[in-house]
């Protein structure tokens, strides 16, 4: 049985995904500011950036099925950002900004490339969301941990639905691998700025 796109990318980028999903993820996300509000703000911004990217894609997507998928995931990510902001009980205004991953994604124009970029982004998000769950479990903030469990499950569902949109799998795999590489480089740079090596200590 042939491997799915997700399986192929998980295998080829296993090292980067493992590191992106390490306990250092929240440090990279926040610049080592582990205040609950700062963590929620960073998480909400990530969801809002994704919503903007997928809105952009939906606005100029030639493939009807893909266009519908981008619209759905944009709405899902917008809802995710709102749910994270609500968890801050009125203390948080969502500011999306931009980052290296979404600058890359917004340059993709072909459907297969976009599906690949979406796969890469979802795999990166999955790693980050898991560490957000762990962070809030360790902080004994179970309601926040449960919120990020829900967001992780919903992200996984939208990832599974995307593979049927692909014609040329090799194009999608390449774009997914690039998205993860871009994310990993940004992650490593963020850690380097606070004096931490992205590589695990052996």
Foldseek 3Di string as FASTA:
>chain_A
DDDFLLVVLCVVCVQLLVLLLDLCVQCLQQVNPLDPQSSLQSVLLQLQLLLVLLVLCLVQPPDPVSNVLSPVSSVVSNVLSVVSQVVVVPPDDHDNDDAQLSVLLSVDHHLLLNLLSLSLVLSSLLSSLVSQLVSCVVVVNNVSSVSSVVVNVVSVVSNVVSRVRDDDSVSSSVSSNVSSVRVSVSSQVSQVVSPHGSDDDD
